[in-house]
Amino acid sequence: MPSETPDGPAAHGQSSLASAIREIEQFVGSAGWDQPAQMFALVPTEQLLSTQPELADQLGEATELTPIAQESLPSEDLGEALSRISWPEQVAGCALVQEIVVLPPEAESDLPEDPEQAREVAAEHPHRQEARLVAGVLRTEEEACLMRLRTPGDDGAGDLVEDRTLAPNLLRALHGTFAE
């Protein structure tokens, strides 16, 4: 359960971002597991409705940020794909959803240094757990992460973990998409 944060601009932005990544996780989760990585632009809802008022009915009870799904990411290296993304000024933030394998901490220290070999070993590890990770950032430096653990016979209701420290490298790469 997320903890309450004090009032103020940073807390307000974090709350908006956290709401947006929860909405994204629910949206992607509705399609089930085994989905490709997907990128979302985060646009201020008020700004979106001022330029496209016909969307008001579709957005229903709109939150402060509206996630907008982007075209599929190339299947190549995710870091390379993110390094080529840039956003127009109207985009306040972005979020990435990807399915990952989570290992117990003691297993991670035994992984090979080669990324491809590490992926293969992790995929076959007996204590691995699959998860859906959503990481999001705003131009104002706020960041949030959410992870849903996949459980056997999962109907999309696996444990949910919210902690902005879950994916520091991914958050850095997402911030990089806003570099001038």
N, C-alpha and C. Protein backbone atom coordinates (compact mmCIF):
# COMPACT_ATOMS: atom_id res chain seq x y z
N MET A 1 0.84 -1.17 0.00
CA MET A 1 0.00 0.00 0.00
C MET A 1 0.88 1.23 0.00
N PRO A 2 0.70 2.16 -0.92
CA PRO A 2 1.55 3.34 -0.96
C PRO A 2 1.33 4.19 0.29
N SER A 3 2.40 4.78 0.75
CA SER A 3 2.27 5.65 1.91
C SER A 3 1.85 7.03 1.45
N GLU A 4 1.21 7.76 2.36
CA GLU A 4 0.79 9.12 2.01
C GLU A 4 2.00 10.03 2.03
N THR A 5 1.98 11.02 1.17
CA THR A 5 3.08 11.96 1.10
C THR A 5 2.58 13.34 1.50
N PRO A 6 3.48 14.20 1.97
CA PRO A 6 3.05 15.54 2.35
C PRO A 6 2.59 16.32 1.14
N ASP A 7 1.78 17.35 1.41
CA ASP A 7 1.33 18.22 0.32
C ASP A 7 2.50 19.03 -0.20
N GLY A 8 2.37 19.48 -1.42
CA GLY A 8 3.40 20.31 -2.04
C GLY A 8 3.57 19.90 -3.47
N PRO A 9 4.29 20.72 -4.27
CA PRO A 9 4.42 20.43 -5.68
C PRO A 9 5.06 19.08 -5.97
N ALA A 10 6.13 18.73 -5.27
CA ALA A 10 6.79 17.47 -5.57
C ALA A 10 5.89 16.29 -5.21
N ALA A 11 5.24 16.37 -4.04
CA ALA A 11 4.35 15.29 -3.63
C ALA A 11 3.17 15.19 -4.59
N HIS A 12 2.67 16.35 -5.02
CA HIS A 12 1.53 16.38 -5.94
C HIS A 12 1.91 15.72 -7.26
N GLY A 13 3.08 16.05 -7.80
CA GLY A 13 3.55 15.44 -9.05
C GLY A 13 3.77 13.95 -8.89
N GLN A 14 4.36 13.55 -7.77
CA GLN A 14 4.60 12.14 -7.52
C GLN A 14 3.28 11.39 -7.47
N SER A 15 2.28 11.97 -6.83
CA SER A 15 0.97 11.34 -6.74
C SER A 15 0.35 11.18 -8.13
N SER A 16 0.46 12.19 -8.96
CA SER A 16 -0.06 12.12 -10.33
C SER A 16 0.66 11.06 -11.13
N LEU A 17 1.97 11.00 -10.97
CA LEU A 17 2.76 10.00 -11.68
C LEU A 17 2.42 8.60 -11.18
N ALA A 18 2.33 8.43 -9.87
CA ALA A 18 2.00 7.12 -9.32
C ALA A 18 0.62 6.66 -9.82
N SER A 19 -0.32 7.58 -9.88
CA SER A 19 -1.66 7.23 -10.41
C SER A 19 -1.57 6.81 -11.87
N ALA A 20 -0.77 7.52 -12.64
CA ALA A 20 -0.63 7.20 -14.06
C ALA A 20 0.00 5.83 -14.26
N ILE A 21 1.03 5.48 -13.48
CA ILE A 21 1.66 4.17 -13.70
C ILE A 21 0.75 3.04 -13.22
N ARG A 22 -0.07 3.28 -12.20
CA ARG A 22 -1.05 2.26 -11.80
C ARG A 22 -2.08 2.06 -12.92
N GLU A 23 -2.52 3.16 -13.53
CA GLU A 23 -3.47 3.07 -14.65
C GLU A 23 -2.85 2.30 -15.82
N ILE A 24 -1.60 2.57 -16.11
CA ILE A 24 -0.90 1.87 -17.19
C ILE A 24 -0.80 0.38 -16.89
N GLU A 25 -0.44 0.03 -15.66
CA GLU A 25 -0.30 -1.38 -15.30
C GLU A 25 -1.63 -2.10 -15.46
N GLN A 26 -2.72 -1.47 -15.05
CA GLN A 26 -4.05 -2.08 -15.20
C GLN A 26 -4.40 -2.25 -16.67
N PHE A 27 -4.09 -1.25 -17.48
CA PHE A 27 -4.38 -1.31 -18.91
C PHE A 27 -3.60 -2.45 -19.57
N VAL A 28 -2.31 -2.49 -19.34
CA VAL A 28 -1.48 -3.54 -19.95
C VAL A 28 -1.86 -4.90 -19.38
N GLY A 29 -2.12 -4.95 -18.08
CA GLY A 29 -2.49 -6.21 -17.44
C GLY A 29 -3.80 -6.78 -17.97
N SER A 30 -4.69 -5.93 -18.45
CA SER A 30 -5.96 -6.42 -18.98
C SER A 30 -5.76 -7.28 -20.23
N ALA A 31 -4.60 -7.16 -20.87
CA ALA A 31 -4.29 -7.99 -22.04
C ALA A 31 -3.60 -9.29 -21.64
N GLY A 32 -3.37 -9.48 -20.34
CA GLY A 32 -2.73 -10.71 -19.87
C GLY A 32 -1.21 -10.59 -19.87
N TRP A 33 -0.59 -11.71 -19.61
CA TRP A 33 0.87 -11.76 -19.54
C TRP A 33 1.47 -12.04 -20.91
N ASP A 34 2.79 -12.05 -20.95
CA ASP A 34 3.56 -12.32 -22.17
C ASP A 34 3.34 -11.25 -23.23
N GLN A 35 3.36 -9.99 -22.77
CA GLN A 35 3.22 -8.84 -23.65
C GLN A 35 4.60 -8.23 -23.93
N PRO A 36 4.79 -7.63 -25.09
CA PRO A 36 6.07 -6.96 -25.36
C PRO A 36 6.19 -5.67 -24.54
N ALA A 37 7.40 -5.16 -24.45
CA ALA A 37 7.61 -3.87 -23.77
C ALA A 37 6.80 -2.81 -24.49
N GLN A 38 6.26 -1.88 -23.71
CA GLN A 38 5.44 -0.83 -24.30
C GLN A 38 5.74 0.51 -23.64
N MET A 39 5.81 1.54 -24.47
CA MET A 39 6.12 2.90 -24.02
C MET A 39 4.85 3.74 -24.03
N PHE A 40 4.75 4.65 -23.06
CA PHE A 40 3.62 5.57 -22.95
C PHE A 40 4.13 6.99 -22.76
N ALA A 41 3.54 7.92 -23.47
CA ALA A 41 3.77 9.34 -23.21
C ALA A 41 2.79 9.74 -22.12
N LEU A 42 3.20 10.63 -21.23
CA LEU A 42 2.31 11.14 -20.19
C LEU A 42 2.06 12.62 -20.48
N VAL A 43 0.80 12.93 -20.77
CA VAL A 43 0.42 14.28 -21.18
C VAL A 43 -0.54 14.85 -20.13
N PRO A 44 -0.35 16.10 -19.75
CA PRO A 44 -1.31 16.71 -18.82
C PRO A 44 -2.72 16.66 -19.44
N THR A 45 -3.65 16.07 -18.68
CA THR A 45 -5.01 15.87 -19.18
C THR A 45 -5.66 17.19 -19.57
N GLU A 46 -5.48 18.20 -18.76
CA GLU A 46 -6.07 19.52 -19.05
C GLU A 46 -5.58 20.04 -20.40
N GLN A 47 -4.30 19.89 -20.66
CA GLN A 47 -3.72 20.34 -21.93
C GLN A 47 -4.28 19.51 -23.09
N LEU A 48 -4.40 18.21 -22.90
CA LEU A 48 -4.93 17.32 -23.94
C LEU A 48 -6.37 17.70 -24.28
N LEU A 49 -7.18 17.93 -23.26
CA LEU A 49 -8.58 18.28 -23.49
C LEU A 49 -8.74 19.67 -24.10
N SER A 50 -7.80 20.57 -23.84
CA SER A 50 -7.90 21.90 -24.44
C SER A 50 -7.65 21.84 -25.95
N THR A 51 -6.85 20.88 -26.39
CA THR A 51 -6.59 20.76 -27.83
C THR A 51 -7.50 19.73 -28.50
N GLN A 52 -8.06 18.80 -27.70
CA GLN A 52 -8.93 17.77 -28.26
C GLN A 52 -10.13 17.54 -27.33
N PRO A 53 -11.04 18.50 -27.25
CA PRO A 53 -12.18 18.39 -26.32
C PRO A 53 -13.06 17.18 -26.58
N GLU A 54 -13.03 16.65 -27.79
CA GLU A 54 -13.87 15.48 -28.11
C GLU A 54 -13.44 14.23 -27.32
N LEU A 55 -12.28 14.26 -26.68
CA LEU A 55 -11.81 13.13 -25.90
C LEU A 55 -12.40 13.09 -24.49
N ALA A 56 -13.11 14.14 -24.10
CA ALA A 56 -13.64 14.23 -22.74
C ALA A 56 -14.48 13.02 -22.36
N ASP A 57 -15.33 12.56 -23.26
CA ASP A 57 -16.18 11.40 -22.95
C ASP A 57 -15.35 10.12 -22.79
N GLN A 58 -14.29 9.97 -23.59
CA GLN A 58 -13.45 8.78 -23.53
C GLN A 58 -12.62 8.73 -22.25
N LEU A 59 -12.23 9.89 -21.75
CA LEU A 59 -11.36 9.93 -20.58
C LEU A 59 -12.13 9.74 -19.28
N GLY A 60 -13.43 9.93 -19.29
CA GLY A 60 -14.23 9.73 -18.08
C GLY A 60 -13.70 10.58 -16.93
N GLU A 61 -13.51 9.94 -15.78
CA GLU A 61 -12.94 10.64 -14.63
C GLU A 61 -11.45 10.75 -14.86
N ALA A 62 -11.07 11.81 -15.48
CA ALA A 62 -9.68 11.99 -15.89
C ALA A 62 -8.78 12.30 -14.69
N THR A 63 -7.59 11.75 -14.76
CA THR A 63 -6.56 12.08 -13.78
C THR A 63 -5.75 13.24 -14.34
N GLU A 64 -4.77 13.70 -13.60
CA GLU A 64 -3.98 14.85 -14.05
C GLU A 64 -3.11 14.53 -15.26
N LEU A 65 -2.67 13.27 -15.36
CA LEU A 65 -1.84 12.85 -16.49
C LEU A 65 -2.58 11.77 -17.27
N THR A 66 -2.59 11.91 -18.58
CA THR A 66 -3.20 10.89 -19.43
C THR A 66 -2.10 10.11 -20.13
N PRO A 67 -2.05 8.78 -19.91
CA PRO A 67 -1.08 7.96 -20.63
C PRO A 67 -1.53 7.74 -22.07
N ILE A 68 -0.61 7.90 -23.00
CA ILE A 68 -0.90 7.68 -24.42
C ILE A 68 0.07 6.64 -24.94
N ALA A 69 -0.46 5.47 -25.32
CA ALA A 69 0.38 4.38 -25.82
C ALA A 69 1.10 4.82 -27.08
N GLN A 70 2.36 4.43 -27.19
CA GLN A 70 3.18 4.76 -28.34
C GLN A 70 3.32 3.53 -29.23
N GLU A 71 3.91 3.74 -30.40
CA GLU A 71 4.16 2.62 -31.31
C GLU A 71 5.07 1.62 -30.62
N SER A 72 5.03 0.39 -31.09
CA SER A 72 5.86 -0.67 -30.50
C SER A 72 7.33 -0.29 -30.53
N LEU A 73 8.01 -0.71 -29.48
CA LEU A 73 9.46 -0.51 -29.44
C LEU A 73 10.13 -1.55 -30.30
N PRO A 74 11.25 -1.22 -30.90
CA PRO A 74 11.97 -2.22 -31.68
C PRO A 74 12.37 -3.39 -30.77
N SER A 75 12.49 -4.56 -31.32
CA SER A 75 12.80 -5.74 -30.51
C SER A 75 14.28 -5.81 -30.14
N GLU A 76 15.07 -4.90 -30.66
CA GLU A 76 16.49 -4.89 -30.32
C GLU A 76 16.70 -4.44 -28.87
N ASP A 77 17.91 -4.18 -28.52
CA ASP A 77 18.29 -3.76 -27.17
C ASP A 77 17.44 -2.58 -26.69
N LEU A 78 16.81 -2.74 -25.53
CA LEU A 78 15.92 -1.71 -24.99
C LEU A 78 16.67 -0.42 -24.71
N GLY A 79 17.86 -0.52 -24.15
CA GLY A 79 18.66 0.67 -23.86
C GLY A 79 18.95 1.48 -25.11
N GLU A 80 19.26 0.78 -26.18
CA GLU A 80 19.53 1.45 -27.47
C GLU A 80 18.27 2.12 -27.99
N ALA A 81 17.14 1.43 -27.89
CA ALA A 81 15.86 2.01 -28.35
C ALA A 81 15.52 3.26 -27.55
N LEU A 82 15.70 3.23 -26.23
CA LEU A 82 15.40 4.39 -25.40
C LEU A 82 16.32 5.56 -25.71
N SER A 83 17.57 5.27 -26.06
CA SER A 83 18.52 6.36 -26.33
C SER A 83 18.14 7.15 -27.58
N ARG A 84 17.27 6.61 -28.42
CA ARG A 84 16.86 7.29 -29.65
C ARG A 84 15.51 8.01 -29.51
N ILE A 85 14.90 7.94 -28.33
CA ILE A 85 13.59 8.56 -28.13
C ILE A 85 13.76 9.98 -27.60
N SER A 86 12.97 10.88 -28.15
CA SER A 86 12.88 12.24 -27.61
C SER A 86 11.41 12.65 -27.69
N TRP A 87 11.03 13.59 -26.82
CA TRP A 87 9.62 13.94 -26.71
C TRP A 87 9.41 15.42 -27.02
N PRO A 88 8.25 15.76 -27.58
CA PRO A 88 7.91 17.17 -27.76
C PRO A 88 7.60 17.80 -26.40
N GLU A 89 7.60 19.12 -26.36
CA GLU A 89 7.37 19.86 -25.13
C GLU A 89 6.07 19.50 -24.42
N GLN A 90 5.03 19.14 -25.18
CA GLN A 90 3.72 18.86 -24.59
C GLN A 90 3.72 17.61 -23.70
N VAL A 91 4.72 16.76 -23.87
CA VAL A 91 4.79 15.52 -23.09
C VAL A 91 5.47 15.83 -21.76
N ALA A 92 4.74 15.61 -20.67
CA ALA A 92 5.25 15.92 -19.33
C ALA A 92 6.11 14.80 -18.76
N GLY A 93 5.93 13.60 -19.29
CA GLY A 93 6.67 12.45 -18.77
C GLY A 93 6.47 11.25 -19.66
N CYS A 94 7.05 10.15 -19.23
CA CYS A 94 6.89 8.91 -20.00
C CYS A 94 6.96 7.73 -19.04
N ALA A 95 6.47 6.60 -19.51
CA ALA A 95 6.51 5.37 -18.71
C ALA A 95 6.77 4.20 -19.65
N LEU A 96 7.46 3.21 -19.12
CA LEU A 96 7.74 2.00 -19.87
C LEU A 96 7.24 0.81 -19.06
N VAL A 97 6.59 -0.11 -19.75
CA VAL A 97 6.13 -1.36 -19.14
C VAL A 97 6.92 -2.48 -19.79
N GLN A 98 7.46 -3.36 -18.96
CA GLN A 98 8.13 -4.54 -19.50
C GLN A 98 7.99 -5.69 -18.52
N GLU A 99 7.99 -6.89 -19.07
CA GLU A 99 7.96 -8.07 -18.23
C GLU A 99 9.40 -8.47 -17.94
N ILE A 100 9.66 -8.80 -16.69
CA ILE A 100 11.02 -9.09 -16.25
C ILE A 100 11.03 -10.38 -15.44
N VAL A 101 12.24 -10.89 -15.18
CA VAL A 101 12.44 -12.02 -14.30
C VAL A 101 13.12 -11.48 -13.05
N VAL A 102 12.56 -11.81 -11.89
CA VAL A 102 13.11 -11.37 -10.62
C VAL A 102 13.74 -12.58 -9.94
N LEU A 103 14.97 -12.40 -9.47
CA LEU A 103 15.67 -13.47 -8.77
C LEU A 103 15.90 -13.08 -7.32
N PRO A 104 16.05 -14.06 -6.43
CA PRO A 104 16.42 -13.73 -5.07
C PRO A 104 17.81 -13.07 -5.07
N PRO A 105 18.08 -12.18 -4.12
CA PRO A 105 19.36 -11.45 -4.11
C PRO A 105 20.58 -12.37 -4.17
N GLU A 106 20.54 -13.50 -3.47
CA GLU A 106 21.70 -14.39 -3.47
C GLU A 106 21.96 -15.00 -4.86
N ALA A 107 20.92 -15.16 -5.67
CA ALA A 107 21.09 -15.71 -7.02
C ALA A 107 21.68 -14.68 -7.97
N GLU A 108 21.38 -13.40 -7.75
CA GLU A 108 21.87 -12.36 -8.65
C GLU A 108 23.39 -12.24 -8.64
N SER A 109 24.00 -12.52 -7.50
CA SER A 109 25.47 -12.40 -7.42
C SER A 109 26.17 -13.50 -8.22
N ASP A 110 25.46 -14.58 -8.54
CA ASP A 110 26.05 -15.68 -9.31
C ASP A 110 25.83 -15.56 -10.81
N LEU A 111 25.19 -14.50 -11.28
CA LEU A 111 24.90 -14.36 -12.71
C LEU A 111 26.18 -14.03 -13.49
N PRO A 112 26.28 -14.55 -14.71
CA PRO A 112 27.43 -14.19 -15.56
C PRO A 112 27.41 -12.70 -15.90
N GLU A 113 28.56 -12.15 -16.21
CA GLU A 113 28.64 -10.72 -16.54
C GLU A 113 28.05 -10.41 -17.91
N ASP A 114 28.13 -11.34 -18.84
CA ASP A 114 27.57 -11.14 -20.18
C ASP A 114 26.05 -11.04 -20.07
N PRO A 115 25.45 -9.92 -20.54
CA PRO A 115 24.00 -9.73 -20.38
C PRO A 115 23.15 -10.84 -21.00
N GLU A 116 23.53 -11.34 -22.16
CA GLU A 116 22.74 -12.39 -22.81
C GLU A 116 22.81 -13.69 -22.01
N GLN A 117 24.01 -14.04 -21.54
CA GLN A 117 24.15 -15.24 -20.72
C GLN A 117 23.40 -15.08 -19.40
N ALA A 118 23.45 -13.89 -18.83
CA ALA A 118 22.74 -13.62 -17.57
C ALA A 118 21.24 -13.82 -17.76
N ARG A 119 20.69 -13.35 -18.90
CA ARG A 119 19.26 -13.53 -19.17
C ARG A 119 18.90 -15.02 -19.26
N GLU A 120 19.76 -15.77 -19.93
CA GLU A 120 19.51 -17.21 -20.09
C GLU A 120 19.52 -17.93 -18.74
N VAL A 121 20.52 -17.62 -17.91
CA VAL A 121 20.62 -18.25 -16.59
C VAL A 121 19.42 -17.85 -15.73
N ALA A 122 19.05 -16.57 -15.75
CA ALA A 122 17.92 -16.10 -14.95
C ALA A 122 16.62 -16.78 -15.39
N ALA A 123 16.43 -16.95 -16.69
CA ALA A 123 15.20 -17.56 -17.22
C ALA A 123 15.06 -19.01 -16.78
N GLU A 124 16.17 -19.67 -16.51
CA GLU A 124 16.13 -21.08 -16.12
C GLU A 124 16.27 -21.29 -14.62
N HIS A 125 16.48 -20.24 -13.85
CA HIS A 125 16.72 -20.37 -12.41
C HIS A 125 15.46 -20.93 -11.72
N PRO A 126 15.62 -21.90 -10.83
CA PRO A 126 14.45 -22.50 -10.19
C PRO A 126 13.68 -21.55 -9.25
N HIS A 127 14.32 -20.49 -8.79
CA HIS A 127 13.64 -19.56 -7.88
C HIS A 127 13.26 -18.24 -8.54
N ARG A 128 13.25 -18.25 -9.86
CA ARG A 128 12.88 -17.02 -10.59
C ARG A 128 11.41 -16.74 -10.38
N GLN A 129 11.07 -15.47 -10.51
CA GLN A 129 9.66 -15.08 -10.49
C GLN A 129 9.47 -14.06 -11.59
N GLU A 130 8.43 -14.24 -12.37
CA GLU A 130 8.13 -13.29 -13.43
C GLU A 130 7.35 -12.12 -12.85
N ALA A 131 7.53 -10.96 -13.47
CA ALA A 131 6.85 -9.76 -12.99
C ALA A 131 6.65 -8.79 -14.14
N ARG A 132 5.70 -7.88 -13.95
CA ARG A 132 5.49 -6.79 -14.90
C ARG A 132 5.95 -5.52 -14.18
N LEU A 133 6.92 -4.84 -14.77
CA LEU A 133 7.49 -3.63 -14.20
C LEU A 133 7.00 -2.42 -14.98
N VAL A 134 6.52 -1.41 -14.28
CA VAL A 134 6.16 -0.14 -14.89
C VAL A 134 7.03 0.92 -14.23
N ALA A 135 7.80 1.62 -15.03
CA ALA A 135 8.65 2.70 -14.51
C ALA A 135 8.26 3.97 -15.25
N GLY A 136 8.13 5.07 -14.50
CA GLY A 136 7.74 6.33 -15.11
C GLY A 136 8.50 7.50 -14.53
N VAL A 137 8.70 8.51 -15.36
CA VAL A 137 9.38 9.74 -14.93
C VAL A 137 8.63 10.95 -15.49
N LEU A 138 8.83 12.06 -14.82
CA LEU A 138 8.33 13.34 -15.32
C LEU A 138 9.52 14.24 -15.62
N ARG A 139 9.31 15.22 -16.48
CA ARG A 139 10.36 16.20 -16.80
C ARG A 139 10.88 16.88 -15.53
N THR A 140 10.02 16.99 -14.54
CA THR A 140 10.37 17.68 -13.30
C THR A 140 11.19 16.80 -12.36
N GLU A 141 11.67 15.66 -12.86
CA GLU A 141 12.54 14.73 -12.13
C GLU A 141 11.81 13.75 -11.22
N GLU A 142 10.50 13.85 -11.08
CA GLU A 142 9.80 12.85 -10.27
C GLU A 142 9.89 11.50 -10.97
N GLU A 143 9.84 10.45 -10.18
CA GLU A 143 9.90 9.10 -10.74
C GLU A 143 9.10 8.15 -9.86
N ALA A 144 8.63 7.08 -10.48
CA ALA A 144 7.84 6.08 -9.77
C ALA A 144 8.00 4.74 -10.47
N CYS A 145 7.94 3.69 -9.67
CA CYS A 145 8.00 2.32 -10.21
C CYS A 145 6.95 1.47 -9.51
N LEU A 146 6.44 0.54 -10.26
CA LEU A 146 5.45 -0.39 -9.75
C LEU A 146 5.75 -1.74 -10.37
N MET A 147 5.63 -2.81 -9.59
CA MET A 147 5.88 -4.14 -10.11
C MET A 147 4.76 -5.08 -9.64
N ARG A 148 4.19 -5.81 -10.59
CA ARG A 148 3.19 -6.83 -10.27
C ARG A 148 3.86 -8.18 -10.47
N LEU A 149 3.89 -8.97 -9.38
CA LEU A 149 4.48 -10.30 -9.45
C LEU A 149 3.48 -11.28 -10.04
N ARG A 150 3.96 -12.12 -10.93
CA ARG A 150 3.10 -13.13 -11.56
C ARG A 150 3.10 -14.37 -10.66
N THR A 151 1.93 -14.85 -10.37
CA THR A 151 1.81 -16.04 -9.55
C THR A 151 1.21 -17.16 -10.38
N PRO A 152 1.46 -18.43 -10.00
CA PRO A 152 0.90 -19.55 -10.77
C PRO A 152 -0.62 -19.40 -10.91
N GLY A 153 -1.11 -19.64 -12.12
CA GLY A 153 -2.54 -19.50 -12.39
C GLY A 153 -3.00 -18.06 -12.27
N ASP A 154 -2.06 -17.14 -12.50
CA ASP A 154 -2.30 -15.70 -12.29
C ASP A 154 -3.42 -15.19 -13.19
N ASP A 155 -4.35 -14.51 -12.55
CA ASP A 155 -5.43 -13.86 -13.27
C ASP A 155 -5.20 -12.35 -13.31
N GLY A 156 -3.95 -11.93 -13.08
CA GLY A 156 -3.63 -10.51 -13.09
C GLY A 156 -3.68 -9.89 -11.72
N ALA A 157 -3.94 -10.71 -10.68
CA ALA A 157 -4.08 -10.16 -9.34
C ALA A 157 -2.88 -10.51 -8.46
N GLY A 158 -1.70 -10.67 -9.04
CA GLY A 158 -0.51 -10.96 -8.25
C GLY A 158 -0.15 -9.79 -7.34
N ASP A 159 0.77 -10.05 -6.43
CA ASP A 159 1.21 -9.00 -5.49
C ASP A 159 1.72 -7.79 -6.23
N LEU A 160 1.42 -6.63 -5.67
CA LEU A 160 1.82 -5.36 -6.26
C LEU A 160 2.81 -4.68 -5.32
N VAL A 161 3.94 -4.24 -5.88
CA VAL A 161 4.98 -3.56 -5.11
C VAL A 161 5.19 -2.19 -5.74
N GLU A 162 5.08 -1.13 -4.92
CA GLU A 162 5.36 0.22 -5.41
C GLU A 162 6.56 0.76 -4.67
N ASP A 163 7.63 1.03 -5.42
CA ASP A 163 8.85 1.54 -4.82
C ASP A 163 9.68 2.17 -5.93
N ARG A 164 9.95 3.46 -5.81
CA ARG A 164 10.64 4.16 -6.89
C ARG A 164 12.08 3.70 -7.06
N THR A 165 12.60 2.88 -6.15
CA THR A 165 13.98 2.40 -6.27
C THR A 165 14.08 1.04 -6.97
N LEU A 166 12.99 0.53 -7.52
CA LEU A 166 12.99 -0.80 -8.14
C LEU A 166 13.87 -0.89 -9.38
N ALA A 167 13.97 0.18 -10.15
CA ALA A 167 14.66 0.10 -11.44
C ALA A 167 15.47 1.38 -11.70
N PRO A 168 16.54 1.61 -10.93
CA PRO A 168 17.28 2.87 -11.08
C PRO A 168 17.88 3.08 -12.48
N ASN A 169 18.38 2.02 -13.10
CA ASN A 169 18.97 2.17 -14.44
C ASN A 169 17.91 2.51 -15.48
N LEU A 170 16.75 1.88 -15.37
CA LEU A 170 15.66 2.17 -16.30
C LEU A 170 15.16 3.60 -16.10
N LEU A 171 15.04 4.03 -14.85
CA LEU A 171 14.61 5.42 -14.59
C LEU A 171 15.59 6.41 -15.20
N ARG A 172 16.89 6.13 -15.06
CA ARG A 172 17.92 7.00 -15.66
C ARG A 172 17.74 7.07 -17.18
N ALA A 173 17.50 5.90 -17.79
CA ALA A 173 17.32 5.87 -19.25
C ALA A 173 16.07 6.64 -19.65
N LEU A 174 14.98 6.53 -18.86
CA LEU A 174 13.76 7.27 -19.19
C LEU A 174 13.99 8.77 -19.03
N HIS A 175 14.70 9.21 -17.99
CA HIS A 175 15.04 10.63 -17.85
C HIS A 175 15.84 11.09 -19.06
N GLY A 176 16.69 10.21 -19.58
CA GLY A 176 17.51 10.55 -20.74
C GLY A 176 16.70 10.86 -21.99
N THR A 177 15.46 10.38 -22.05
CA THR A 177 14.63 10.67 -23.23
C THR A 177 14.18 12.12 -23.24
N PHE A 178 14.39 12.83 -22.12
CA PHE A 178 14.03 14.25 -22.03
C PHE A 178 15.26 15.16 -22.09
N ALA A 179 16.43 14.57 -22.29
CA ALA A 179 17.66 15.39 -22.38
C ALA A 179 17.59 16.29 -23.60
N GLU A 180 18.00 17.50 -23.40
CA GLU A 180 17.99 18.49 -24.50
C GLU A 180 19.15 18.29 -25.42
